[in-house]
Structure formats: structure tokens, C-alpha cells
Amino acid sequence: MANIYALRAFFCGQWSSSARLDGKTVIITGANTGIGKETARDLAKRGARIIMACRDIEKAENALKEITEESRNQNVVIRKLDLSDTKSIKEFAEVMNREERQLNILINNAGIMMCPYSKTADGFEMQLGVNHLGHFLLTFLLLDLMKRSAPARIINVSSMAHSWGSIQLDDINSERHYHSRRAYGQSKLANILSTRALAKRLKGTGVNVYVIHPGVVRTELKRHMNIPLLVMWKIVRPFTKTVVQGAQTSIYCAVEPELDAESGGYYSNCSPASCSRAARDDVMAEKLWELSCQMLGITWE
């Protein structure tokens, strides 16, 4: 029976809910493609104001046209955000804090996977910089607005690939040795650990935080895979999720009323899930938190 349940969960379709988000404001990073775009489409249909935080404006404009036409929600806008550049992140947050009177849901969705070694504008290893540090800084800069908008939710998109890596505190930027798969795993593990640490700091504020594994999804993230992995991908592709299916857990964590009393958990297939032992290491979570703050030059109260 357990195996049947697992297979059913793996091949899950759309999560169904009639919950509305009228009057709510949502920011989604990487909303111009993949599960970010599908999440934006769904939440726009629920009546939310959607802010598509994207690096590629041309692609975002095409997605915006599609989303507004299908949802009939004209309250969808694009704002420029490059998570590989802290200057861009700070400029984006400044605009949000100046122009938006509330922020009810922040979905840290954008990511990069298994790319060749490169560094962000600030000298961080690219996967760590975009997937973890960029969203860490963005959340920090928007948190006061979210506290004023409470109840509010933060959703961090991680992956089952968090088990591929470990936190290398003495070589966090993979300068001594770089393995694209392990570096991706480190960044996704960092998503989970920082979610746990943030949940403790947000207790009593009315802002809850969740971290999710969307499933093995057919998105553009696979563009940096090497040939052996691409061959494997072709074999397993029939069993992977569509982007609509992959977006369901993000949507679930954004709108499910029963999660009002929960914070800090890891979710997959629209339900609580198990993560690796390393992802439950609260001592490492605090060490990573301190290092992240140091690297970004910020101090959390």
C-alpha cells in the first residue's frame, strides 16, 4: 500500500482549492518560465496582485501577456531583479518598499542548476549566490514590509537534490574544488537550513516560512546537464512532472489555510515530507546563517 501511495504522489496532478487571494500582493522570483510562471498564473486567477521579479524582461513580457489574458487579472506587473547581483536585489527591494503598501506572499522560486563554474557580481559561486544568498538577502530586505502585512508567508523552493551536497563552511564558494552537482546540492541544502533558522526568528511575528521540493519537473533547469545526465533524463522523462504539476506545492504553501499554524517545514506533493539528516541539523543551520550574514554584510535583529 505504501508503494502505491508513493507512486500516486509521484504522479500527482493539480492540487485543488477554491481559496481566493483578492487584495493580497505576491512576489514570485523567476516568474517568467517554468514552475514560477505556472505559480504566477494560478495565483493571478485567485485574484492576487502579482509582481513578477525577473532578470529576462523580454521573456517576462511574453509570460505577462499570457498570464493576464488567461487569468483576466490585469494587476500583474514585471519588476527587474537579477539575483546574481546584490546591487540589483537592493534596488528591487527599495522599489518594493517604496511602492507597495503590503506584501503577503514571497515565493523565492528562481534558480540555476549545475552550471559551469562562475561567480556572481559579488564574487559568490553562482549556484550558491543565486539559489541561496540572493534570496536570503531579498527576504531580509522585504521582511519589515511582510511583518506589517501579517499574516504573511515566505515559500523557498528547494529540491530533493539537497541530499547531493553538504555545507562546506571552509570552502563555501567552491574555490578549491568545484563539482556542479554537489554545488547545486549545497545551495538547495542551504535553502532548507535557512528556512529552519528563519522560522525560529519569525516566531510570533505572523510571518510563516515553508520550504518545498517541487518534484522532478520538465523545466529549463536541465540546460547545463552533461551528456550522461541528459541521457538519463530522456529515460526518466515520461515519469517526470509537468510544470503545472511541479507548481502545485508552491501554490499549496501559499494558499492552504491549514498551514497558518505551521512554519519551518519541508513539503513535497502538497504535504509534509522528509528531508535528509543534514537538512535537519540546526547547529549547521546557525553556522550557515552567521556565514551568510557575514558574506552579505547584513545583521538580522
Protein backbone atom coordinates (compact mmCIF):
# COMPACT_ATOMS: atom_id res chain seq x y z
CA MET A 1 0.00 0.00 0.00
CA ALA A 2 2.86 2.37 0.83
CA ASN A 3 4.38 1.79 -2.61
CA ILE A 4 1.06 2.52 -4.31
CA TYR A 5 0.74 5.73 -2.30
CA ALA A 6 4.27 6.77 -3.26
CA LEU A 7 3.59 6.19 -6.95
CA ARG A 8 0.34 8.12 -6.75
CA ALA A 9 2.15 11.00 -5.02
CA PHE A 10 4.92 10.96 -7.63
CA PHE A 11 2.47 11.24 -10.49
CA CYS A 12 0.22 13.74 -8.69
CA GLY A 13 -1.78 16.17 -10.76
CA GLN A 14 -3.11 19.56 -9.85
CA TRP A 15 -3.90 20.39 -6.25
CA SER A 16 -7.47 21.62 -5.97
CA SER A 17 -8.57 24.57 -3.84
CA SER A 18 -11.05 27.39 -4.30
CA ALA A 19 -9.16 29.74 -1.95
CA ARG A 20 -9.06 33.35 -3.13
CA LEU A 21 -6.26 35.90 -2.75
CA ASP A 22 -8.18 39.08 -3.56
CA GLY A 23 -6.45 42.09 -2.04
CA LYS A 24 -3.20 40.17 -1.47
CA THR A 25 0.18 41.03 -3.01
CA VAL A 26 2.55 38.28 -4.15
CA ILE A 27 6.17 38.46 -5.33
CA ILE A 28 7.46 35.49 -7.34
CA THR A 29 11.10 35.36 -8.43
CA GLY A 30 11.74 33.69 -11.77
CA ALA A 31 8.07 34.05 -12.74
CA ASN A 32 8.77 34.22 -16.47
CA THR A 33 9.25 30.49 -17.00
CA GLY A 34 8.77 27.03 -15.55
CA ILE A 35 7.04 26.49 -12.23
CA GLY A 36 7.40 30.18 -11.36
CA LYS A 37 5.29 31.12 -14.35
CA GLU A 38 2.67 28.47 -13.55
CA THR A 39 2.55 29.63 -9.93
CA ALA A 40 2.02 33.21 -11.11
CA ARG A 41 -0.74 32.07 -13.47
CA ASP A 42 -2.58 30.19 -10.70
CA LEU A 43 -2.32 32.93 -8.07
CA ALA A 44 -3.38 35.57 -10.62
CA LYS A 45 -6.54 33.53 -11.23
CA ARG A 46 -7.17 33.71 -7.48
CA GLY A 47 -7.24 37.50 -7.66
CA ALA A 48 -3.84 38.41 -6.20
CA ARG A 49 -1.66 41.28 -7.31
CA ILE A 50 1.33 39.51 -8.85
CA ILE A 51 4.80 41.02 -9.05
CA MET A 52 6.95 39.03 -11.46
CA ALA A 53 10.54 39.52 -10.30
CA CYS A 54 12.65 38.57 -13.33
CA ARG A 55 16.06 39.04 -14.88
CA ASP A 56 14.99 38.46 -18.51
CA ILE A 57 12.47 41.23 -19.14
CA GLU A 58 11.67 40.19 -22.72
CA LYS A 59 10.74 36.69 -21.63
CA ALA A 60 8.81 38.16 -18.70
CA GLU A 61 6.76 40.37 -21.02
CA ASN A 62 5.71 37.34 -23.07
CA ALA A 63 4.75 35.48 -19.89
CA LEU A 64 2.86 38.52 -18.59
CA LYS A 65 0.75 38.72 -21.73
CA GLU A 66 -0.12 35.04 -21.44
CA ILE A 67 -0.93 35.23 -17.72
CA THR A 68 -3.13 38.34 -17.93
CA GLU A 69 -5.07 37.02 -20.92
CA GLU A 70 -5.77 33.67 -19.28
CA SER A 71 -6.44 34.91 -15.74
CA ARG A 72 -8.24 38.13 -16.79
CA ASN A 73 -6.32 39.76 -13.97
CA GLN A 74 -4.68 43.00 -15.09
CA ASN A 75 -2.99 43.54 -11.73
CA VAL A 76 0.16 41.68 -12.79
CA VAL A 77 3.41 43.62 -13.20
CA ILE A 78 7.07 42.98 -14.00
CA ARG A 79 9.98 44.30 -11.97
CA LYS A 80 13.63 43.78 -12.83
CA LEU A 81 15.57 41.52 -10.46
CA ASP A 82 18.97 39.87 -11.01
CA LEU A 83 19.67 37.56 -8.08
CA SER A 84 23.32 37.24 -9.09
CA ASP A 85 23.93 40.90 -8.23
CA THR A 86 23.29 42.32 -4.74
CA LYS A 87 23.04 45.81 -6.24
CA SER A 88 20.05 44.68 -8.32
CA ILE A 89 18.49 42.96 -5.29
CA LYS A 90 18.81 46.11 -3.18
CA GLU A 91 17.36 48.27 -5.97
CA PHE A 92 14.42 45.90 -6.38
CA ALA A 93 13.72 45.83 -2.64
CA GLU A 94 13.94 49.62 -2.46
CA VAL A 95 11.26 49.92 -5.16
CA MET A 96 9.05 47.35 -3.41
CA ASN A 97 9.33 49.07 -0.04
CA ARG A 98 8.57 52.44 -1.62
CA GLU A 99 5.74 51.45 -3.98
CA GLU A 100 3.96 48.54 -2.30
CA ARG A 101 1.84 49.10 0.78
CA GLN A 102 1.80 45.37 1.58
CA LEU A 103 3.47 42.08 0.75
CA ASN A 104 1.56 38.99 1.78
CA ILE A 105 3.39 36.20 -0.04
CA LEU A 106 7.03 35.97 -1.17
CA ILE A 107 7.91 32.96 -3.32
CA ASN A 108 11.66 32.54 -3.70
CA ASN A 109 11.43 30.39 -6.80
CA ALA A 110 14.20 31.39 -9.23
CA GLY A 111 17.22 29.16 -9.50
CA ILE A 112 20.12 27.88 -11.54
CA MET A 113 21.21 24.25 -11.74
CA MET A 114 24.55 22.53 -12.33
CA CYS A 115 26.11 25.33 -14.36
CA PRO A 116 29.83 25.53 -15.21
CA TYR A 117 31.88 27.30 -12.55
CA SER A 118 31.32 31.03 -12.47
CA LYS A 119 30.86 33.79 -9.93
CA THR A 120 28.20 36.38 -9.24
CA ALA A 121 28.85 40.11 -9.47
CA ASP A 122 29.84 39.98 -5.79
CA GLY A 123 32.22 37.03 -6.12
CA PHE A 124 29.97 34.24 -4.83
CA GLU A 125 29.86 30.84 -6.53
CA MET A 126 26.95 31.22 -8.94
CA GLN A 127 24.62 28.48 -7.67
CA LEU A 128 25.09 29.42 -4.02
CA GLY A 129 24.83 33.10 -4.90
CA VAL A 130 21.57 32.87 -6.86
CA ASN A 131 19.81 29.98 -5.16
CA HIS A 132 20.66 30.81 -1.55
CA LEU A 133 22.40 34.13 -0.91
CA GLY A 134 20.34 36.17 -3.38
CA HIS A 135 17.05 35.02 -1.88
CA PHE A 136 18.45 35.30 1.65
CA LEU A 137 19.23 38.98 1.04
CA LEU A 138 15.93 39.62 -0.74
CA THR A 139 13.97 38.16 2.18
CA PHE A 140 15.98 40.24 4.66
CA LEU A 141 15.23 43.46 2.76
CA LEU A 142 11.49 42.75 2.42
CA LEU A 143 10.84 41.35 5.87
CA ASP A 144 9.71 44.56 7.57
CA LEU A 145 7.09 45.06 4.84
CA MET A 146 5.94 41.48 5.32
CA LYS A 147 5.69 41.88 9.09
CA ARG A 148 3.49 44.93 8.58
CA SER A 149 1.36 42.85 6.18
CA ALA A 150 0.94 39.86 8.52
CA PRO A 151 -0.34 37.25 8.27
CA ALA A 152 2.21 36.63 5.53
CA ARG A 153 4.07 33.69 4.02
CA ILE A 154 7.51 33.01 2.55
CA ILE A 155 7.99 29.96 0.32
CA ASN A 156 11.52 28.84 -0.54
CA VAL A 157 11.88 26.42 -3.45
CA SER A 158 14.50 23.78 -2.67
CA SER A 159 14.84 20.27 -4.12
CA MET A 160 15.35 16.63 -3.21
CA ALA A 161 18.82 17.35 -4.65
CA HIS A 162 19.68 18.89 -1.27
CA SER A 163 20.93 15.38 -0.45
CA TRP A 164 23.59 15.67 -3.17
CA GLY A 165 25.70 18.15 -1.26
CA SER A 166 26.90 19.33 2.13
CA ILE A 167 27.64 22.77 3.55
CA GLN A 168 31.35 23.44 3.05
CA LEU A 169 31.87 26.24 5.56
CA ASP A 170 35.62 26.41 4.82
CA ASP A 171 35.10 26.49 1.04
CA ILE A 172 31.58 27.86 0.67
CA ASN A 173 32.31 29.28 -2.80
CA SER A 174 33.82 26.01 -4.08
CA GLU A 175 37.09 27.75 -4.95
CA ARG A 176 39.33 24.83 -4.02
CA HIS A 177 37.19 22.20 -5.70
CA TYR A 178 34.09 22.59 -7.86
CA HIS A 179 31.63 19.86 -8.72
CA SER A 180 28.49 21.28 -10.33
CA ARG A 181 26.13 18.66 -8.90
CA ARG A 182 27.48 18.96 -5.36
CA ALA A 183 27.46 22.75 -5.52
CA TYR A 184 23.81 22.63 -6.60
CA GLY A 185 23.10 20.26 -3.71
CA GLN A 186 24.83 22.63 -1.29
CA SER A 187 22.69 25.56 -2.46
CA LYS A 188 19.46 23.55 -2.10
CA LEU A 189 20.52 22.27 1.33
CA ALA A 190 21.17 25.90 2.29
CA ASN A 191 17.56 26.71 1.32
CA ILE A 192 16.23 24.19 3.84
CA LEU A 193 18.62 25.08 6.65
CA SER A 194 17.98 28.82 6.30
CA THR A 195 14.22 28.18 6.30
CA ARG A 196 14.51 26.36 9.63
CA ALA A 197 16.63 29.13 11.13
CA LEU A 198 14.33 31.86 9.80
CA ALA A 199 11.20 30.18 11.19
CA LYS A 200 12.68 30.38 14.70
CA ARG A 201 13.44 34.08 14.27
CA LEU A 202 9.96 34.84 12.93
CA LYS A 203 8.05 33.12 15.71
CA GLY A 204 5.25 35.38 16.92
CA THR A 205 5.52 37.84 14.01
CA GLY A 206 2.68 36.43 11.90
CA VAL A 207 5.10 35.64 9.08
CA ASN A 208 5.44 31.92 8.34
CA VAL A 209 8.06 30.28 6.13
CA TYR A 210 8.00 26.99 4.23
CA VAL A 211 10.48 25.17 2.01
CA ILE A 212 9.44 22.84 -0.79
CA HIS A 213 10.61 20.18 -3.24
CA PRO A 214 8.53 20.66 -6.41
CA GLY A 215 9.30 17.22 -7.81
CA VAL A 216 11.34 16.20 -10.85
CA VAL A 217 9.93 18.73 -13.30
CA ARG A 218 10.34 19.31 -17.04
CA THR A 219 11.84 22.82 -16.95
CA GLU A 220 14.77 24.71 -18.46
CA LEU A 221 16.93 23.98 -15.40
CA LYS A 222 18.35 20.90 -17.14
CA ARG A 223 20.11 23.03 -19.78
CA HIS A 224 23.51 22.68 -18.06
CA MET A 225 23.38 18.90 -17.63
CA ASN A 226 26.26 16.89 -19.08
CA ILE A 227 25.70 14.17 -21.69
CA PRO A 228 25.37 11.18 -19.28
CA LEU A 229 22.77 13.08 -17.22
CA LEU A 230 20.88 14.14 -20.34
CA VAL A 231 20.73 10.50 -21.46
CA MET A 232 19.36 9.56 -18.05
CA TRP A 233 16.89 12.44 -18.26
CA LYS A 234 15.48 11.11 -21.54
CA ILE A 235 14.90 7.74 -19.89
CA VAL A 236 13.07 9.11 -16.85
CA ARG A 237 11.29 11.98 -18.61
CA PRO A 238 7.99 10.09 -19.11
CA PHE A 239 7.79 9.76 -15.31
CA THR A 240 8.54 13.41 -14.51
CA LYS A 241 6.10 16.17 -13.67
CA THR A 242 4.79 18.86 -15.99
CA VAL A 243 5.41 22.45 -14.90
CA VAL A 244 1.75 22.68 -13.83
CA GLN A 245 2.17 19.66 -11.56
CA GLY A 246 5.52 20.97 -10.33
CA ALA A 247 3.97 24.27 -9.25
CA GLN A 248 1.34 22.68 -7.02
CA THR A 249 3.33 22.51 -3.78
CA SER A 250 4.35 26.17 -4.07
CA ILE A 251 0.68 27.05 -4.59
CA TYR A 252 -0.37 24.82 -1.70
CA CYS A 253 2.05 26.50 0.71
CA ALA A 254 0.93 29.92 -0.50
CA VAL A 255 -2.82 29.46 0.00
CA GLU A 256 -3.68 26.45 2.20
CA PRO A 257 -5.43 27.81 5.34
CA GLU A 258 -4.42 24.80 7.44
CA LEU A 259 -0.77 25.92 7.21
CA ASP A 260 -1.47 29.10 9.20
CA ALA A 261 -0.21 27.37 12.34
CA GLU A 262 2.86 25.80 10.68
CA SER A 263 6.28 27.27 9.94
CA GLY A 264 9.74 25.97 9.07
CA GLY A 265 8.61 22.70 7.49
CA TYR A 266 9.64 20.89 4.31
CA TYR A 267 6.89 19.98 1.83
CA SER A 268 6.52 17.91 -1.32
CA ASN A 269 3.46 16.73 -3.25
CA CYS A 270 1.32 19.21 -1.27
CA SER A 271 2.06 17.59 2.09
CA PRO A 272 4.80 17.46 4.74
CA ALA A 273 7.82 15.47 3.58
CA SER A 274 11.04 14.03 4.95
CA CYS A 275 14.36 15.70 4.23
CA SER A 276 17.89 14.43 4.83
CA ARG A 277 19.54 14.32 8.25
CA ALA A 278 21.90 17.10 7.15
CA ALA A 279 18.87 19.27 6.37
CA ARG A 280 17.67 18.86 9.97
CA ASP A 281 20.99 19.94 11.52
CA ASP A 282 20.10 23.07 13.47
CA VAL A 283 23.69 23.61 14.61
CA MET A 284 24.81 23.79 10.97
CA ALA A 285 21.79 25.97 10.18
CA GLU A 286 23.03 28.58 12.66
CA LYS A 287 26.59 28.40 11.37
CA LEU A 288 25.35 28.87 7.80
CA TRP A 289 23.11 31.73 8.93
CA GLU A 290 26.05 33.56 10.51
CA LEU A 291 28.27 32.98 7.47
CA SER A 292 25.53 34.14 5.06
CA CYS A 293 25.06 37.35 7.05
CA GLN A 294 28.82 37.90 7.08
CA MET A 295 29.14 37.36 3.32
CA LEU A 296 26.28 39.78 2.61
CA GLY A 297 27.28 42.34 5.22
CA ILE A 298 23.92 42.30 6.99
CA THR A 299 22.76 41.96 10.59
CA TRP A 300 19.41 40.37 11.43
CA GLU A 301 17.75 41.69 14.58
